[in-house]
N, C-alpha and C. Protein backbone atom coordinates (compact mmCIF):
# COMPACT_ATOMS: atom_id res chain seq x y z
N UNK A 1 -11.27 -10.48 28.91
CA UNK A 1 -10.04 -11.11 27.78
C UNK A 1 -8.87 -11.17 28.71
N UNK A 2 -7.63 -12.24 28.75
CA UNK A 2 -6.47 -12.07 29.27
C UNK A 2 -5.79 -12.14 27.97
N UNK A 3 -4.50 -12.01 28.76
CA UNK A 3 -3.46 -12.15 27.34
C UNK A 3 -2.80 -10.59 27.67
N UNK A 4 -1.08 -10.85 27.55
CA UNK A 4 -0.20 -10.03 27.66
C UNK A 4 0.92 -10.47 26.80
N UNK A 5 1.52 -9.34 26.27
CA UNK A 5 2.63 -9.01 25.65
C UNK A 5 2.26 -8.49 24.22
N UNK A 6 3.04 -8.58 23.37
CA UNK A 6 3.42 -7.94 22.23
C UNK A 6 2.07 -7.81 21.64
N UNK A 7 1.53 -6.97 20.97
CA UNK A 7 0.04 -6.82 19.81
C UNK A 7 -0.41 -5.73 20.53
N UNK A 8 -1.59 -5.86 19.63
CA UNK A 8 -2.46 -4.06 19.48
C UNK A 8 -3.91 -4.32 19.61
N UNK A 9 -4.80 -4.01 20.89
CA UNK A 9 -6.13 -3.94 20.50
C UNK A 9 -6.37 -3.51 19.75
N UNK A 10 -7.77 -4.16 18.86
CA UNK A 10 -8.49 -3.32 18.29
C UNK A 10 -9.87 -4.06 17.86
N UNK A 11 -10.59 -2.89 17.90
CA UNK A 11 -12.47 -2.60 17.89
C UNK A 11 -12.92 -3.26 16.67
N UNK A 12 -13.21 -4.26 16.47
CA UNK A 12 -13.74 -4.61 15.10
C UNK A 12 -15.28 -5.44 15.36
N UNK A 13 -16.04 -5.12 14.18
CA UNK A 13 -17.30 -5.57 14.43
C UNK A 13 -18.02 -5.79 15.80
N UNK A 14 -17.59 -4.51 16.51
CA UNK A 14 -18.03 -4.85 18.27
C UNK A 14 -17.40 -5.48 19.21
N UNK A 15 -15.81 -6.24 18.48
CA UNK A 15 -15.46 -7.09 19.50
C UNK A 15 -14.40 -6.65 19.70
N UNK A 16 -13.72 -6.70 21.12
CA UNK A 16 -12.14 -6.36 20.90
C UNK A 16 -11.24 -7.62 20.64
N UNK A 17 -10.25 -7.45 20.18
CA UNK A 17 -9.51 -8.31 19.88
C UNK A 17 -7.99 -7.84 19.71
N UNK A 18 -7.14 -9.01 20.00
CA UNK A 18 -5.66 -8.29 20.33
C UNK A 18 -4.75 -9.05 19.23
N UNK A 19 -4.50 -8.15 18.41
CA UNK A 19 -3.83 -8.76 17.10
C UNK A 19 -2.24 -8.76 17.68
N UNK A 20 -1.80 -9.97 16.84
CA UNK A 20 -0.62 -10.12 16.72
C UNK A 20 0.39 -9.29 16.16
N UNK A 21 1.23 -8.74 16.21
CA UNK A 21 2.28 -8.45 15.16
C UNK A 21 2.80 -9.52 14.18
N UNK A 22 2.98 -9.09 12.92
CA UNK A 22 3.22 -10.17 12.10
C UNK A 22 4.51 -11.02 12.11
N UNK A 23 4.60 -11.99 12.18
CA UNK A 23 6.40 -12.73 12.15
C UNK A 23 7.21 -12.23 11.25
N UNK A 24 8.25 -11.98 12.00
CA UNK A 24 9.27 -11.87 10.86
C UNK A 24 9.96 -12.27 9.31
N UNK A 25 9.86 -11.23 8.54
CA UNK A 25 9.90 -12.29 7.56
C UNK A 25 10.77 -12.76 6.94
N UNK A 26 10.90 -14.53 6.32
CA UNK A 26 12.32 -14.79 6.11
C UNK A 26 12.65 -14.09 5.17
N UNK A 27 13.85 -14.00 5.37
CA UNK A 27 14.89 -13.74 3.85
C UNK A 27 16.21 -14.42 3.37
N UNK A 28 16.36 -13.95 2.03
CA UNK A 28 16.90 -15.32 1.27
C UNK A 28 18.43 -14.11 0.60
N UNK A 29 18.91 -15.00 0.51
CA UNK A 29 20.01 -14.32 -0.20
C UNK A 29 20.38 -15.04 -1.47
N UNK A 30 20.06 -14.00 -2.00
CA UNK A 30 20.17 -14.01 -3.92
C UNK A 30 21.66 -13.65 -4.76
N UNK A 31 22.36 -14.19 -5.65
CA UNK A 31 23.79 -13.98 -6.16
C UNK A 31 23.08 -12.79 -7.15
N UNK A 32 23.76 -12.27 -7.24
CA UNK A 32 23.12 -10.90 -8.39
C UNK A 32 23.53 -10.85 -9.30
N UNK A 33 24.96 -11.55 -10.05
CA UNK A 33 25.07 -11.67 -11.73
C UNK A 33 23.80 -12.68 -12.16
N UNK A 34 23.23 -13.51 -11.40
CA UNK A 34 22.61 -14.81 -12.37
C UNK A 34 20.71 -14.28 -11.59
N UNK A 35 20.84 -13.67 -10.51
CA UNK A 35 19.25 -13.39 -9.98
C UNK A 35 18.72 -14.98 -9.21
N UNK A 36 19.86 -15.80 -8.78
CA UNK A 36 19.73 -16.67 -8.40
C UNK A 36 19.73 -16.84 -6.58
N UNK A 37 18.46 -17.49 -5.95
CA UNK A 37 18.53 -17.91 -4.52
C UNK A 37 19.33 -18.61 -4.46
N UNK A 38 20.33 -18.33 -3.61
CA UNK A 38 21.77 -19.54 -2.28
C UNK A 38 20.65 -20.19 -1.76
N UNK A 39 20.49 -21.77 -1.97
CA UNK A 39 19.56 -22.78 -1.41
C UNK A 39 20.62 -23.55 -0.31
N UNK A 40 22.02 -23.66 -0.41
CA UNK A 40 22.82 -24.44 -0.11
C UNK A 40 24.01 -24.14 1.01
N UNK A 41 24.83 -24.40 1.87
CA UNK A 41 26.22 -23.87 2.09
C UNK A 41 26.96 -24.32 0.75
N UNK A 42 26.95 -25.54 0.13
CA UNK A 42 27.61 -26.10 -1.06
C UNK A 42 27.63 -24.94 -2.05
N UNK A 43 26.59 -24.27 -2.54
CA UNK A 43 26.39 -23.11 -3.64
C UNK A 43 26.44 -22.21 -2.98
N UNK A 44 26.21 -21.59 -1.78
CA UNK A 44 27.39 -20.30 -1.26
C UNK A 44 28.57 -20.42 -1.59
N UNK A 45 28.96 -21.62 -1.14
CA UNK A 45 30.39 -21.58 -1.13
C UNK A 45 31.05 -21.69 -2.54
N UNK A 46 30.81 -22.39 -3.27
CA UNK A 46 30.88 -22.52 -4.71
C UNK A 46 30.68 -20.59 -5.55
N UNK A 47 30.10 -20.59 -5.33
CA UNK A 47 29.66 -18.79 -5.39
C UNK A 47 30.87 -18.15 -4.92
N UNK A 48 31.33 -18.17 -3.77
CA UNK A 48 32.14 -17.66 -3.12
C UNK A 48 33.74 -17.51 -3.41
N UNK A 49 33.62 -18.99 -3.63
CA UNK A 49 35.19 -19.47 -4.48
C UNK A 49 35.71 -18.72 -5.50
N UNK A 50 34.76 -18.80 -6.68
CA UNK A 50 34.39 -17.55 -7.50
C UNK A 50 34.82 -16.03 -7.45
N UNK A 51 34.79 -15.59 -6.59
CA UNK A 51 35.44 -14.56 -6.23
C UNK A 51 36.59 -14.29 -4.79
N UNK A 52 36.99 -15.50 -5.10
CA UNK A 52 38.22 -15.61 -4.01
C UNK A 52 38.34 -15.86 -2.92
N UNK A 53 36.98 -16.35 -2.52
CA UNK A 53 36.96 -17.20 -0.90
C UNK A 53 37.23 -18.64 -1.06
N UNK A 54 37.71 -18.77 -0.05
CA UNK A 54 38.13 -20.16 -0.22
C UNK A 54 37.73 -20.73 1.85
N UNK A 55 37.91 -22.06 2.08
CA UNK A 55 37.69 -22.82 2.81
C UNK A 55 38.25 -22.65 4.32
N UNK A 56 38.14 -21.88 5.39
CA UNK A 56 39.48 -21.86 6.02
C UNK A 56 39.53 -22.46 7.22
N UNK A 57 38.27 -22.32 7.45
CA UNK A 57 38.21 -23.39 8.89
C UNK A 57 36.84 -24.05 9.10
N UNK A 58 37.06 -25.28 9.81
CA UNK A 58 35.29 -26.00 9.33
C UNK A 58 34.96 -26.58 11.00
N UNK A 59 33.83 -27.15 11.56
CA UNK A 59 33.86 -28.10 12.61
C UNK A 59 32.47 -28.28 12.19
N UNK A 60 31.72 -28.84 13.66
CA UNK A 60 30.49 -29.70 13.44
C UNK A 60 29.61 -29.05 12.70
N UNK A 61 29.71 -27.36 13.50
CA UNK A 61 28.36 -26.58 12.99
C UNK A 61 28.77 -25.11 12.77
N UNK A 62 29.85 -25.16 12.26
CA UNK A 62 30.18 -23.66 11.14
C UNK A 62 31.47 -23.66 9.97
N UNK A 63 31.36 -23.13 9.25
CA UNK A 63 32.23 -22.71 8.11
C UNK A 63 32.82 -21.98 7.83
N UNK A 64 33.76 -21.75 7.69
CA UNK A 64 34.74 -20.39 7.80
C UNK A 64 35.49 -20.34 6.44
N UNK A 65 35.31 -19.08 6.24
CA UNK A 65 36.15 -18.92 4.76
C UNK A 65 36.68 -17.80 4.84
N UNK A 66 38.18 -17.70 4.15
CA UNK A 66 38.57 -16.20 4.21
C UNK A 66 39.40 -16.34 2.62
N UNK A 67 39.57 -15.02 2.27
CA UNK A 67 40.35 -14.08 1.01
C UNK A 67 41.40 -15.29 0.71
N UNK A 68 41.17 -15.99 -0.53
CA UNK A 68 42.97 -15.96 -0.91
C UNK A 68 44.11 -15.46 -1.34
N UNK A 69 43.59 -14.11 -1.29
CA UNK A 69 44.45 -13.32 -1.32
C UNK A 69 44.93 -13.16 -0.02
N UNK A 70 44.68 -13.19 1.35
CA UNK A 70 45.62 -13.37 2.63
C UNK A 70 44.81 -11.77 3.11
N UNK A 71 43.64 -11.55 2.75
CA UNK A 71 42.63 -10.51 4.01
C UNK A 71 42.31 -10.74 4.92
N UNK A 72 41.94 -9.97 5.68
CA UNK A 72 41.83 -10.55 7.26
C UNK A 72 40.11 -10.73 7.31
N UNK A 73 39.02 -10.75 6.24
CA UNK A 73 38.10 -10.82 6.32
C UNK A 73 37.53 -12.32 6.49
N UNK A 74 36.83 -13.01 7.57
CA UNK A 74 35.97 -13.59 7.74
C UNK A 74 34.71 -14.38 7.74
N UNK A 75 34.43 -14.83 6.43
CA UNK A 75 32.82 -15.30 6.58
C UNK A 75 32.55 -16.69 7.36
N UNK A 76 31.47 -16.74 8.59
CA UNK A 76 31.86 -17.79 9.41
C UNK A 76 29.65 -17.67 8.82
N UNK A 77 29.81 -19.52 8.51
CA UNK A 77 28.09 -19.57 8.33
C UNK A 77 28.05 -20.64 9.13
N UNK A 78 26.49 -20.93 9.34
CA UNK A 78 26.44 -22.38 9.75
C UNK A 78 26.49 -23.62 8.60
N UNK A 79 27.18 -24.77 9.22
CA UNK A 79 26.93 -25.88 8.14
C UNK A 79 25.81 -26.49 8.06
N UNK A 80 24.82 -25.77 8.70
CA UNK A 80 23.43 -26.08 8.65
C UNK A 80 21.94 -25.06 7.82
N UNK A 81 22.46 -24.88 6.79
CA UNK A 81 21.81 -23.86 5.74
C UNK A 81 20.62 -23.85 6.43
N UNK A 82 19.68 -24.48 7.11
CA UNK A 82 18.54 -24.04 7.39
C UNK A 82 18.56 -22.89 8.97
N UNK A 83 19.86 -23.04 9.34
CA UNK A 83 20.19 -22.02 10.79
C UNK A 83 20.96 -20.75 9.74
N UNK A 84 20.77 -20.35 8.26
CA UNK A 84 21.16 -19.35 8.58
C UNK A 84 20.67 -18.42 7.89
N UNK A 85 21.17 -17.60 9.03
CA UNK A 85 20.39 -16.43 9.63
C UNK A 85 20.79 -14.92 8.83
N UNK A 86 19.71 -13.88 8.91
CA UNK A 86 20.22 -12.30 7.79
C UNK A 86 21.25 -11.89 8.19
N UNK A 87 21.97 -12.10 9.74
CA UNK A 87 22.84 -11.98 10.09
C UNK A 87 24.37 -12.49 8.95
N UNK A 88 23.84 -13.76 9.21
CA UNK A 88 25.14 -14.05 8.05
C UNK A 88 24.92 -13.76 6.42
N UNK A 89 23.85 -13.21 6.20
CA UNK A 89 23.59 -13.28 5.05
C UNK A 89 24.49 -11.76 4.64
N UNK A 90 23.75 -10.96 5.12
CA UNK A 90 24.40 -9.30 5.43
C UNK A 90 25.65 -9.25 5.33
N UNK A 91 26.55 -10.48 6.15
CA UNK A 91 28.09 -10.66 6.61
C UNK A 91 28.09 -10.85 5.21
N UNK A 92 27.99 -11.41 4.00
CA UNK A 92 28.10 -12.09 2.76
C UNK A 92 28.18 -10.45 2.01
N UNK A 93 27.13 -9.94 2.21
CA UNK A 93 26.61 -9.03 1.41
C UNK A 93 27.51 -7.41 1.10
N UNK A 94 28.20 -7.66 2.63
CA UNK A 94 28.92 -6.42 2.92
C UNK A 94 30.46 -6.53 2.77
N UNK A 95 30.92 -8.01 2.77
CA UNK A 95 31.96 -8.45 1.97
C UNK A 95 32.68 -8.14 0.64
N UNK A 96 31.34 -8.85 0.28
CA UNK A 96 31.07 -8.99 -1.43
C UNK A 96 30.31 -8.18 -1.97
N UNK A 97 29.78 -6.87 -1.97
CA UNK A 97 29.31 -5.81 -2.58
C UNK A 97 29.26 -6.19 -4.09
N UNK A 98 28.02 -5.54 -4.63
CA UNK A 98 27.37 -6.01 -6.22
C UNK A 98 27.50 -7.84 -6.50
N UNK A 99 27.94 -8.47 -5.54
CA UNK A 99 27.88 -9.47 -6.12
C UNK A 99 26.60 -10.30 -5.24
N UNK A 100 26.22 -10.06 -4.41
CA UNK A 100 25.39 -10.86 -3.25
C UNK A 100 24.22 -9.71 -2.95
N UNK A 101 22.70 -10.08 -2.47
CA UNK A 101 21.99 -9.11 -2.02
C UNK A 101 20.71 -9.92 -0.93
N UNK A 102 20.52 -9.30 -0.02
CA UNK A 102 19.31 -10.31 0.94
C UNK A 102 17.81 -9.40 0.52
N UNK A 103 16.97 -10.56 0.41
CA UNK A 103 15.52 -9.82 0.13
C UNK A 103 14.72 -10.81 1.04
N UNK A 104 13.84 -9.90 0.62
CA UNK A 104 12.47 -10.95 1.66
C UNK A 104 11.92 -12.10 0.84
N UNK A 105 12.36 -13.17 1.23
CA UNK A 105 11.82 -14.22 0.64
C UNK A 105 10.13 -14.47 0.54
N UNK A 106 10.09 -15.43 -0.83
CA UNK A 106 8.43 -15.36 -1.65
C UNK A 106 7.92 -16.33 -0.16
């Protein structure tokens, strides 16, 4: 038997096997008032717009939003929604408590 790296050796039915840990679960960003899963940058920007956020900066890879009231907070998200990671999602949640939550994707 060869193999190194992450995993746990288990003895099952007379055979020793290396079990790999489960892949990290995918996360989803949910807009709490409607319980809607956010599925695009446009949808997220629309929801954030109703909460006082507006586009501040953009380039080919990112979009930044800031509060219209002049606050110092910025939210930076990738333009490609498939690249949105849990760190981006939690940034949205922390800056918009009671409006968004992060859940395990189905």
